[in-house]
Amino acid sequence: MERQNNSSFTILTLLFLFSVVLASPPSSWPYFHPNSGQTSIAIPDQIDTSWQVNFGDSIQIYPTISPITGWINQHQQEVVYLGTSIGVFCVSVDHGQIIWFYHTTQPVKYTPAYWDTNRLYVPAGDSLICLNPTTGQWLWGYHCSGNLFHVIGLGDYVGVVDDSSYVYVFAYQTNQLAWRSELLSPKGGCDNTSLVLDSHGCVYVVTGGNQSAYYDFKIFKFNLDSGQVVWSSAEGPLWEPGGVRMSPVLRHDSILVFGTHTDFGWTSSIYNYRTSDHWRTYRQTFTYSDGPVMASPAVDSGGHTYFPTANFFLALDDSNGQIRQYDFPFDASSPVIDPNHKIIFGTLDGRLIVIDQTNGLISEFPCSGDLASPAIGSDGSIYIAGNNTIYKFSASLGQPEGSVKVVKRNDCFGVHPNPFHQQLMVDGASGLVEIYALNGRLLCRAKQPGLFKWRTNGLPGGVYLVKINRQIFKVVKD
């Protein structure tokens, strides 16, 4: 979710990923935790870096996007999908190899959604793009009214919200637009949010609030099949300080939970709304110095809710009593919670954090840049991304076999000139050189390490990707 004016804001409102209670079996939308922040896979007791892929300075990974895991080749090969400033990468979980790349004309700033082996839904600017997750082939697209946030699976539908406050819901089987909402909040808009699905066939969305003052947010409840508004807070007074810049979650399928963010020194708050009658059942406020609620909360299997703020990580029980407060001097992303009650999240200052619900901090690992929420693979491996690098953390066996040391751009090699005309020089002393078109097609590969000359032989002008070991550079042919 994209930062507003200050770099501490964006991480962080992430994740619709944690805002979902699916109506269809979890295997249909095997995001990496299909139910309000939980994952059914336990992470290892001891983890260490397995590999990292650096995409180079010309490619950006936004702190509003999380990697997601999926499968290709009839569920034979597990992969990670990652949106970037130039498109979507499909990367092998084994060694970080690029399997395919799809170039988008607009950056992918928010998290895609994956349906089994048949669909990958990507929010690229104001367009929703559907790709074949095995090949990266374009299947269909839809142009929306505004820039899209996180895409979410809704049983037999897929839904997304844009920054013009429209909701779009598409039928999975037909790829047709099932319905589009009216403008939800003409004065406020939405930001860093997504839909929430309950088990009764209704979806919820919370608008951001008034843009000039960050207050007066609104809650809407829709019938999933028809798009009819079942209830909205516009039907009665709901004036609350603070704007909502995150995805809400459902607790036990009956309580809608979210937090607020302000820029003017007012209080920020945590809210619970009962979905049956939409009555506010709970509110806890913080002064601005305590830190606004910056990211979407997560709910574990016991109904405990975890709220990341700018200065601490708050855990509430099913009755909203405080279980514990974890104090950290940095902003945290939305967490993932495994069956052993380990809480995994990224931070604004580039650290992967694992804490135990009872005993507190277990471990932390330095990464790079603003980290969004992690993904959990089928073997409990953790995938997390920031700036221009994606990391895999897996079971620690001393120094992991095949671990990758990623050199910085200027350490051992060069790519020049850039832009180039007919010939590109690549110093591949640090590893194998491969050059790809933006559709992921391999154009050439060096036969051995060392200085490599690529002659384009009549290829059209445009953007190409140079891969050296695990580092990737974008180059331009004029």
Protein backbone atom coordinates (compact mmCIF):
# COMPACT_ATOMS: atom_id res chain seq x y z
CA MET A 1 0.00 0.00 0.00
CA GLU A 2 1.54 3.17 -1.14
CA ARG A 3 3.06 5.67 1.25
CA GLN A 4 1.36 9.04 1.69
CA ASN A 5 3.81 11.92 2.11
CA ASN A 6 6.14 10.12 4.48
CA SER A 7 8.04 6.93 3.97
CA SER A 8 6.77 5.38 7.15
CA PHE A 9 3.25 5.06 5.89
CA THR A 10 3.22 2.70 3.06
CA ILE A 11 4.46 -0.53 4.11
CA LEU A 12 2.17 -1.05 5.66
CA THR A 13 -1.21 -1.00 5.11
CA LEU A 14 -0.78 -4.06 3.35
CA LEU A 15 -2.67 -6.61 3.34
CA PHE A 16 -5.81 -7.63 2.04
CA LEU A 17 -4.17 -10.92 2.13
CA PHE A 18 -4.98 -11.06 5.74
CA SER A 19 -8.48 -9.81 5.30
CA VAL A 20 -10.03 -12.89 3.76
CA VAL A 21 -12.36 -15.59 4.94
CA LEU A 22 -12.98 -17.63 1.82
CA ALA A 23 -16.32 -19.05 0.80
CA SER A 24 -14.78 -21.72 -1.44
CA PRO A 25 -12.16 -24.27 -0.37
CA PRO A 26 -8.80 -22.69 0.46
CA SER A 27 -7.15 -24.70 -2.31
CA SER A 28 -9.05 -22.65 -4.88
CA TRP A 29 -7.27 -19.49 -3.80
CA PRO A 30 -4.07 -20.82 -2.22
CA TYR A 31 -2.76 -17.36 -1.59
CA PHE A 32 -0.40 -18.19 1.18
CA HIS A 33 -2.81 -17.89 4.04
CA PRO A 34 -6.42 -17.84 3.00
CA ASN A 35 -7.97 -16.88 6.31
CA SER A 36 -7.26 -13.63 8.08
CA GLY A 37 -3.53 -13.83 8.42
CA GLN A 38 -3.16 -17.48 9.29
CA THR A 39 -1.13 -20.02 7.40
CA SER A 40 -1.64 -23.76 7.81
CA ILE A 41 2.10 -24.32 7.35
CA ALA A 42 4.47 -24.05 10.32
CA ILE A 43 7.78 -22.30 9.72
CA PRO A 44 10.96 -24.11 10.84
CA ASP A 45 12.29 -23.57 14.34
CA GLN A 46 15.58 -22.28 12.96
CA ILE A 47 15.75 -20.39 9.67
CA ASP A 48 18.46 -18.80 7.62
CA THR A 49 18.85 -17.16 4.23
CA SER A 50 18.52 -19.73 1.45
CA TRP A 51 18.81 -17.40 -1.53
CA GLN A 52 18.16 -13.87 -2.64
CA VAL A 53 17.55 -12.39 -6.07
CA ASN A 54 18.56 -8.78 -6.68
CA PHE A 55 16.74 -7.23 -9.64
CA GLY A 56 19.11 -4.28 -10.00
CA ASP A 57 18.75 -0.58 -9.36
CA SER A 58 16.46 0.01 -12.34
CA ILE A 59 13.70 -2.28 -11.02
CA GLN A 60 11.73 -1.40 -7.90
CA ILE A 61 9.71 -3.61 -5.58
CA TYR A 62 7.17 -1.47 -3.75
CA PRO A 63 6.62 -1.76 0.02
CA THR A 64 2.92 -2.22 -0.67
CA ILE A 65 3.31 -5.53 -2.46
CA SER A 66 3.85 -8.99 -1.08
CA PRO A 67 5.16 -12.00 -2.97
CA ILE A 68 2.71 -14.86 -3.35
CA THR A 69 3.37 -18.55 -3.84
CA GLY A 70 1.75 -20.87 -6.37
CA TRP A 71 2.28 -23.94 -8.52
CA ILE A 72 2.96 -24.65 -12.18
CA ASN A 73 3.37 -27.79 -14.32
CA GLN A 74 0.35 -29.60 -12.86
CA HIS A 75 1.37 -28.82 -9.28
CA GLN A 76 4.83 -30.29 -9.82
CA GLN A 77 6.81 -27.08 -9.34
CA GLU A 78 6.31 -24.45 -6.64
CA VAL A 79 6.99 -20.83 -7.63
CA VAL A 80 6.83 -17.30 -6.27
CA TYR A 81 5.07 -14.47 -8.10
CA LEU A 82 6.28 -10.92 -7.54
CA GLY A 83 5.09 -7.61 -8.96
CA THR A 84 7.63 -4.86 -9.71
CA SER A 85 7.88 -1.45 -11.32
CA ILE A 86 8.18 -3.03 -14.78
CA GLY A 87 5.97 -6.10 -14.49
CA VAL A 88 5.53 -9.54 -12.94
CA PHE A 89 8.22 -12.15 -12.32
CA CYS A 90 7.65 -15.87 -11.81
CA VAL A 91 10.60 -17.25 -9.84
CA SER A 92 11.47 -20.84 -8.90
CA VAL A 93 11.49 -21.50 -5.15
CA ASP A 94 14.47 -23.82 -5.50
CA HIS A 95 17.23 -21.46 -6.55
CA GLY A 96 15.51 -18.22 -7.51
CA GLN A 97 15.67 -18.76 -11.27
CA ILE A 98 13.39 -16.62 -13.41
CA ILE A 99 10.82 -18.86 -15.10
CA TRP A 100 8.99 -16.10 -16.94
CA PHE A 101 8.48 -12.34 -16.90
CA TYR A 102 5.49 -10.32 -18.09
CA HIS A 103 6.02 -6.65 -18.87
CA THR A 104 3.26 -4.25 -17.79
CA THR A 105 2.98 -0.69 -19.10
CA GLN A 106 2.10 0.49 -15.59
CA PRO A 107 3.88 -0.54 -12.38
CA VAL A 108 2.52 -3.36 -10.22
CA LYS A 109 2.36 -1.73 -6.77
CA TYR A 110 -0.17 -4.00 -5.07
CA THR A 111 -0.43 -7.72 -4.50
CA PRO A 112 -1.87 -10.08 -7.15
CA ALA A 113 -4.11 -13.07 -6.52
CA TYR A 114 -3.58 -16.65 -7.68
CA TRP A 115 -6.24 -19.25 -8.45
CA ASP A 116 -4.94 -22.81 -8.51
CA THR A 117 -2.98 -23.32 -11.74
CA ASN A 118 -5.36 -21.42 -14.00
CA ARG A 119 -5.29 -17.70 -13.24
CA LEU A 120 -2.97 -15.02 -11.95
CA TYR A 121 -4.73 -11.66 -11.45
CA VAL A 122 -2.42 -8.65 -11.49
CA PRO A 123 -3.31 -5.02 -10.59
CA ALA A 124 -1.16 -2.90 -12.93
CA GLY A 125 -2.04 0.76 -12.44
CA ASP A 126 -5.68 1.16 -13.49
CA SER A 127 -5.84 -2.17 -15.32
CA LEU A 128 -6.63 -5.64 -14.03
CA ILE A 129 -4.63 -8.19 -16.02
CA CYS A 130 -5.22 -11.93 -15.99
CA LEU A 131 -2.22 -14.15 -16.87
CA ASN A 132 -1.60 -17.84 -17.30
CA PRO A 133 0.42 -18.57 -14.12
CA THR A 134 2.47 -21.32 -15.82
CA THR A 135 3.55 -19.42 -18.95
CA GLY A 136 2.87 -15.76 -18.17
CA GLN A 137 0.66 -15.55 -21.26
CA TRP A 138 -1.92 -12.72 -21.29
CA LEU A 139 -5.48 -14.06 -21.00
CA TRP A 140 -7.62 -10.96 -20.59
CA GLY A 141 -7.65 -7.46 -19.13
CA TYR A 142 -10.05 -4.81 -17.86
CA HIS A 143 -9.52 -1.05 -17.66
CA CYS A 144 -10.87 0.50 -14.44
CA SER A 145 -11.67 4.06 -13.36
CA GLY A 146 -8.69 4.48 -11.04
CA ASN A 147 -5.53 2.82 -9.80
CA LEU A 148 -6.19 -0.60 -8.31
CA PHE A 149 -5.23 -1.94 -4.91
CA HIS A 150 -4.82 -5.58 -3.85
CA VAL A 151 -6.74 -8.23 -5.79
CA ILE A 152 -8.58 -10.80 -3.73
CA GLY A 153 -10.22 -14.15 -4.40
CA LEU A 154 -13.89 -14.30 -3.42
CA GLY A 155 -14.96 -17.89 -3.92
CA ASP A 156 -16.20 -18.06 -7.52
CA TYR A 157 -15.34 -14.38 -8.00
CA VAL A 158 -12.31 -12.12 -7.89
CA GLY A 159 -12.61 -8.55 -6.60
CA VAL A 160 -10.63 -5.34 -6.41
CA VAL A 161 -11.11 -1.75 -5.21
CA ASP A 162 -9.68 1.32 -6.96
CA ASP A 163 -8.65 4.73 -5.64
CA SER A 164 -11.76 6.30 -7.16
CA SER A 165 -13.82 4.29 -4.65
CA TYR A 166 -15.28 1.80 -7.10
CA VAL A 167 -15.56 -1.93 -6.37
CA TYR A 168 -15.17 -4.40 -9.26
CA VAL A 169 -16.16 -8.06 -9.00
CA PHE A 170 -15.47 -10.52 -11.84
CA ALA A 171 -16.80 -14.04 -12.34
CA TYR A 172 -13.90 -16.46 -12.32
CA GLN A 173 -15.38 -18.96 -14.78
CA THR A 174 -16.43 -16.45 -17.46
CA ASN A 175 -13.90 -13.64 -16.90
CA GLN A 176 -16.84 -11.25 -17.16
CA LEU A 177 -17.50 -8.26 -14.92
CA ALA A 178 -20.25 -9.45 -12.57
CA TRP A 179 -20.89 -6.01 -11.10
CA ARG A 180 -19.35 -2.65 -10.34
CA SER A 181 -20.31 -0.48 -7.41
CA GLU A 182 -21.36 3.12 -7.56
CA LEU A 183 -18.85 5.67 -6.29
CA LEU A 184 -18.53 4.88 -2.58
CA SER A 185 -16.90 8.04 -1.28
CA PRO A 186 -16.71 10.97 -3.72
CA LYS A 187 -14.88 13.20 -1.24
CA GLY A 188 -12.52 10.68 0.21
CA GLY A 189 -11.65 7.79 -2.03
CA CYS A 190 -10.07 4.52 -0.98
CA ASP A 191 -6.47 3.73 -0.22
CA ASN A 192 -4.50 0.52 0.28
CA THR A 193 -7.59 -1.56 0.83
CA SER A 194 -9.42 -4.62 -0.39
CA LEU A 195 -12.65 -6.51 0.05
CA VAL A 196 -13.49 -8.90 2.88
CA LEU A 197 -15.73 -11.93 2.30
CA ASP A 198 -17.84 -13.60 4.99
CA SER A 199 -19.37 -17.08 4.91
CA HIS A 200 -22.84 -15.73 4.13
CA GLY A 201 -22.07 -14.44 0.66
CA CYS A 202 -21.47 -10.81 1.59
CA VAL A 203 -18.41 -8.62 1.07
CA TYR A 204 -17.28 -5.55 3.01
CA VAL A 205 -15.14 -2.55 2.19
CA VAL A 206 -14.11 0.46 4.29
CA THR A 207 -13.48 3.74 2.48
CA GLY A 208 -10.57 5.97 3.35
CA GLY A 209 -12.34 9.04 4.66
CA ASN A 210 -12.25 12.70 3.70
CA GLN A 211 -9.04 13.48 1.78
CA SER A 212 -8.57 16.95 3.31
CA ALA A 213 -9.17 15.97 6.92
CA TYR A 214 -8.85 12.16 7.08
CA TYR A 215 -12.11 11.54 8.89
CA ASP A 216 -15.63 10.26 8.31
CA PHE A 217 -14.78 6.82 6.90
CA LYS A 218 -17.65 4.67 5.67
CA ILE A 219 -18.39 0.95 5.74
CA PHE A 220 -20.23 -0.82 2.91
CA LYS A 221 -21.68 -4.32 2.79
CA PHE A 222 -22.55 -5.87 -0.59
CA ASN A 223 -24.28 -9.03 -1.71
CA LEU A 224 -21.50 -10.87 -3.53
CA ASP A 225 -23.67 -12.30 -6.31
CA SER A 226 -25.72 -9.20 -7.15
CA GLY A 227 -23.59 -6.29 -5.97
CA GLN A 228 -26.59 -4.86 -4.13
CA VAL A 229 -25.74 -2.73 -1.11
CA VAL A 230 -27.03 -4.58 1.93
CA TRP A 231 -25.95 -1.89 4.38
CA SER A 232 -23.76 1.16 4.46
CA SER A 233 -22.73 3.55 7.19
CA ALA A 234 -24.01 6.35 4.98
CA GLU A 235 -27.49 5.35 6.15
CA GLY A 236 -26.74 6.79 9.56
CA PRO A 237 -24.21 9.05 11.27
CA LEU A 238 -20.73 7.60 11.45
CA TRP A 239 -18.28 10.40 12.12
CA GLU A 240 -15.02 9.04 13.43
CA PRO A 241 -11.60 10.68 13.50
CA GLY A 242 -8.93 9.15 11.34
CA GLY A 243 -8.82 7.78 7.83
CA VAL A 244 -8.65 4.08 6.98
CA ARG A 245 -5.57 3.24 4.92
CA MET A 246 -5.62 -0.56 5.16
CA SER A 247 -7.71 -3.65 4.58
CA PRO A 248 -10.09 -4.70 7.35
CA VAL A 249 -10.35 -8.28 8.58
CA LEU A 250 -13.17 -10.42 9.92
CA ARG A 251 -12.83 -12.01 13.35
CA HIS A 252 -14.82 -15.22 13.72
CA ASP A 253 -16.79 -14.17 10.64
CA SER A 254 -18.82 -11.73 12.70
CA ILE A 255 -16.67 -8.79 13.80
CA LEU A 256 -15.16 -6.40 11.24
CA VAL A 257 -11.83 -5.11 12.56
CA PHE A 258 -9.67 -2.23 11.27
CA GLY A 259 -7.60 0.73 12.42
CA THR A 260 -7.18 4.38 11.46
CA HIS A 261 -4.37 6.71 10.49
CA THR A 262 -4.20 10.51 10.91
CA ASP A 263 -1.77 13.19 9.81
CA PHE A 264 -2.84 16.00 12.09
CA GLY A 265 -1.95 14.85 15.60
CA TRP A 266 -5.40 13.52 16.42
CA THR A 267 -5.99 10.09 17.89
CA SER A 268 -5.72 6.93 15.87
CA SER A 269 -8.00 4.05 16.77
CA ILE A 270 -8.74 0.36 16.54
CA TYR A 271 -12.39 -0.43 15.75
CA ASN A 272 -14.63 -3.49 15.96
CA TYR A 273 -17.99 -3.45 14.15
CA ARG A 274 -20.53 -6.24 14.52
CA THR A 275 -21.50 -7.39 11.02
CA SER A 276 -25.03 -8.48 11.96
CA ASP A 277 -26.21 -4.97 12.86
CA HIS A 278 -23.06 -2.93 12.15
CA TRP A 279 -22.87 -1.60 15.67
CA ARG A 280 -19.51 -0.41 16.91
CA THR A 281 -18.65 -2.77 19.74
CA TYR A 282 -15.13 -1.61 20.55
CA ARG A 283 -12.76 1.28 20.07
CA GLN A 284 -9.27 1.76 21.47
CA THR A 285 -7.52 5.05 20.81
CA PHE A 286 -3.87 6.09 20.61
CA THR A 287 -2.30 9.50 20.58
CA TYR A 288 -0.36 10.30 17.45
CA SER A 289 2.90 9.93 19.37
CA ASP A 290 1.91 6.33 20.12
CA GLY A 291 1.76 5.77 16.40
CA PRO A 292 -1.17 5.30 14.04
CA VAL A 293 -2.32 1.84 13.03
CA MET A 294 -0.26 1.51 9.90
CA ALA A 295 -1.00 -1.97 8.58
CA SER A 296 -3.83 -4.43 8.33
CA PRO A 297 -4.33 -6.56 11.43
CA ALA A 298 -4.29 -10.35 11.48
CA VAL A 299 -6.38 -12.80 13.49
CA ASP A 300 -5.10 -16.16 14.71
CA SER A 301 -7.05 -19.37 15.23
CA GLY A 302 -7.93 -18.39 18.81
CA GLY A 303 -9.47 -15.07 17.80
CA HIS A 304 -6.46 -13.03 18.95
CA THR A 305 -5.98 -9.92 16.85
CA TYR A 306 -2.55 -8.44 16.11
CA PHE A 307 -2.29 -4.77 15.24
CA PRO A 308 0.93 -3.26 13.86
CA THR A 309 1.42 0.43 14.70
CA ALA A 310 4.30 2.81 14.11
CA ASN A 311 5.91 2.09 17.49
CA PHE A 312 4.61 -1.22 18.80
CA PHE A 313 2.79 -4.42 17.95
CA LEU A 314 -0.42 -4.90 19.93
CA ALA A 315 -2.07 -8.27 20.62
CA LEU A 316 -5.72 -8.35 21.77
CA ASP A 317 -7.71 -11.39 22.85
CA ASP A 318 -11.18 -12.37 21.67
CA SER A 319 -12.73 -9.95 24.18
CA ASN A 320 -10.38 -7.13 23.17
CA GLY A 321 -8.31 -7.44 26.30
CA GLN A 322 -4.64 -6.71 25.77
CA ILE A 323 -2.55 -9.88 25.78
CA ARG A 324 0.77 -8.31 25.10
CA GLN A 325 2.44 -5.30 23.59
CA TYR A 326 5.62 -5.87 21.61
CA ASP A 327 7.63 -2.66 21.49
CA PHE A 328 9.64 -2.05 18.31
CA PRO A 329 11.06 1.32 17.18
CA PHE A 330 9.93 0.84 13.60
CA ASP A 331 6.83 0.34 11.47
CA ALA A 332 5.75 -3.25 10.91
CA SER A 333 3.96 -4.86 8.00
CA SER A 334 0.87 -7.01 8.30
CA PRO A 335 1.88 -10.28 9.99
CA VAL A 336 1.55 -13.92 9.09
CA ILE A 337 0.70 -16.30 11.95
CA ASP A 338 1.65 -19.98 11.74
CA PRO A 339 0.00 -22.91 13.61
CA ASN A 340 2.64 -22.71 16.35
CA HIS A 341 1.68 -19.09 17.07
CA LYS A 342 4.81 -17.66 15.50
CA ILE A 343 4.23 -14.18 14.12
CA ILE A 344 6.23 -13.25 11.03
CA PHE A 345 6.42 -9.76 9.51
CA GLY A 346 8.71 -7.26 7.81
CA THR A 347 9.74 -3.78 8.92
CA LEU A 348 10.31 -0.38 7.46
CA ASP A 349 14.01 -0.54 8.27
CA GLY A 350 14.57 -3.76 6.37
CA ARG A 351 14.29 -6.60 8.87
CA LEU A 352 12.43 -9.88 8.86
CA ILE A 353 11.08 -10.45 12.39
CA VAL A 354 9.83 -13.69 13.95
CA ILE A 355 8.25 -13.47 17.40
CA ASP A 356 6.52 -16.00 19.63
CA GLN A 357 3.07 -15.16 20.96
CA THR A 358 4.21 -15.79 24.53
CA ASN A 359 7.97 -15.44 24.65
CA GLY A 360 8.49 -12.47 22.36
CA LEU A 361 11.31 -12.02 19.88
CA ILE A 362 12.77 -15.23 18.45
CA SER A 363 14.94 -13.96 15.64
CA GLU A 364 15.47 -11.13 13.20
CA PHE A 365 17.30 -11.01 9.90
CA PRO A 366 18.63 -7.96 8.04
CA CYS A 367 17.26 -7.49 4.54
CA SER A 368 17.10 -4.45 2.28
CA GLY A 369 14.64 -1.58 2.20
CA ASP A 370 10.99 -1.32 3.18
CA LEU A 371 9.68 -4.86 3.61
CA ALA A 372 6.08 -5.77 2.93
CA SER A 373 4.29 -8.81 4.34
CA PRO A 374 5.88 -12.24 3.83
CA ALA A 375 4.60 -15.31 2.02
CA ILE A 376 4.87 -18.84 3.41
CA GLY A 377 5.72 -21.70 1.06
CA SER A 378 4.53 -25.30 1.22
CA ASP A 379 7.59 -26.35 3.27
CA GLY A 380 7.41 -23.43 5.68
CA SER A 381 9.95 -21.30 3.81
CA ILE A 382 9.48 -17.54 4.11
CA TYR A 383 9.57 -15.23 1.09
CA ILE A 384 9.81 -11.49 1.59
CA ALA A 385 10.76 -8.59 -0.68
CA GLY A 386 11.93 -5.01 -0.42
CA ASN A 387 13.43 -2.32 -2.65
CA ASN A 388 14.81 -4.48 -5.48
CA THR A 389 15.46 -7.83 -3.79
CA ILE A 390 13.42 -10.90 -2.90
CA TYR A 391 14.65 -13.24 -0.13
CA LYS A 392 13.99 -16.85 0.74
CA PHE A 393 14.45 -18.01 4.35
CA SER A 394 14.26 -21.73 5.02
CA ALA A 395 15.29 -24.33 7.58
CA SER A 396 18.78 -23.64 8.88
CA LEU A 397 21.27 -26.46 8.40
CA GLY A 398 24.40 -24.53 9.23
CA GLN A 399 25.35 -22.70 6.05
CA PRO A 400 22.51 -23.58 3.63
CA GLU A 401 23.66 -25.52 0.61
CA GLY A 402 23.37 -23.45 -2.54
CA SER A 403 23.01 -20.19 -0.64
CA VAL A 404 23.57 -17.18 -2.80
CA LYS A 405 25.83 -14.22 -2.23
CA VAL A 406 24.48 -11.35 -4.27
CA VAL A 407 27.03 -8.74 -5.30
CA LYS A 408 26.11 -5.12 -5.78
CA ARG A 409 25.91 -3.65 -9.22
CA ASN A 410 29.36 -2.08 -9.27
CA ASP A 411 31.27 -4.73 -7.34
CA CYS A 412 32.33 -7.14 -10.06
CA PHE A 413 30.71 -6.32 -13.35
CA GLY A 414 29.31 -3.64 -15.60
CA VAL A 415 26.58 -3.35 -18.19
CA HIS A 416 27.23 -0.58 -20.73
CA PRO A 417 26.37 1.49 -22.59
CA ASN A 418 22.81 1.93 -21.42
CA PRO A 419 20.93 2.93 -23.53
CA PHE A 420 22.73 1.09 -26.35
CA HIS A 421 22.29 0.89 -30.09
CA GLN A 422 23.59 -2.31 -31.75
CA GLN A 423 25.96 -3.77 -29.16
CA LEU A 424 25.88 -4.19 -25.38
CA MET A 425 28.99 -4.98 -23.31
CA VAL A 426 28.51 -7.09 -20.19
CA ASP A 427 31.27 -7.93 -17.71
CA GLY A 428 30.15 -11.36 -16.57
CA ALA A 429 33.18 -12.26 -14.51
CA SER A 430 30.93 -12.93 -11.51
CA GLY A 431 28.67 -15.42 -13.23
CA LEU A 432 26.66 -16.60 -16.20
CA VAL A 433 25.09 -13.89 -18.40
CA GLU A 434 21.59 -14.33 -19.81
CA ILE A 435 19.54 -11.79 -21.76
CA TYR A 436 15.73 -11.87 -21.88
CA ALA A 437 12.98 -10.10 -23.75
CA LEU A 438 10.25 -8.57 -21.62
CA ASN A 439 7.96 -11.51 -22.37
CA GLY A 440 10.46 -13.76 -20.57
CA ARG A 441 11.92 -15.30 -23.76
CA LEU A 442 15.62 -16.10 -23.47
CA LEU A 443 17.45 -14.29 -26.28
CA CYS A 444 21.01 -15.37 -25.62
CA ARG A 445 23.30 -16.91 -23.04
CA ALA A 446 27.05 -16.51 -22.59
CA LYS A 447 28.99 -19.73 -23.00
CA GLN A 448 31.42 -18.90 -20.20
CA PRO A 449 32.09 -16.21 -17.57
CA GLY A 450 33.97 -13.09 -18.61
CA LEU A 451 33.44 -10.14 -20.95
CA PHE A 452 30.39 -10.72 -23.12
CA LYS A 453 29.30 -8.79 -26.21
CA TRP A 454 25.66 -8.92 -27.22
CA ARG A 455 24.93 -7.91 -30.80
CA THR A 456 21.24 -7.32 -31.27
CA ASN A 457 21.07 -8.42 -34.92
CA GLY A 458 18.07 -6.35 -35.92
CA LEU A 459 16.03 -6.71 -32.73
CA PRO A 460 13.60 -3.81 -32.24
CA GLY A 461 14.26 -0.98 -29.84
CA GLY A 462 12.85 -1.30 -26.35
CA VAL A 463 13.54 -2.71 -22.91
CA TYR A 464 15.51 -5.92 -22.29
CA LEU A 465 16.66 -7.70 -19.14
CA VAL A 466 20.25 -8.74 -18.42
CA LYS A 467 20.67 -11.41 -15.75
CA ILE A 468 24.06 -12.12 -14.15
CA ASN A 469 23.81 -14.81 -11.50
CA ARG A 470 20.86 -13.65 -9.38
CA GLN A 471 21.07 -9.95 -10.28
CA ILE A 472 18.94 -8.44 -13.02
CA PHE A 473 19.36 -5.18 -14.94
CA LYS A 474 16.99 -3.36 -17.21
CA VAL A 475 18.66 -2.08 -20.40
CA VAL A 476 17.24 0.00 -23.22
CA LYS A 477 17.97 -0.42 -26.91
CA ASP A 478 17.43 2.84 -28.80
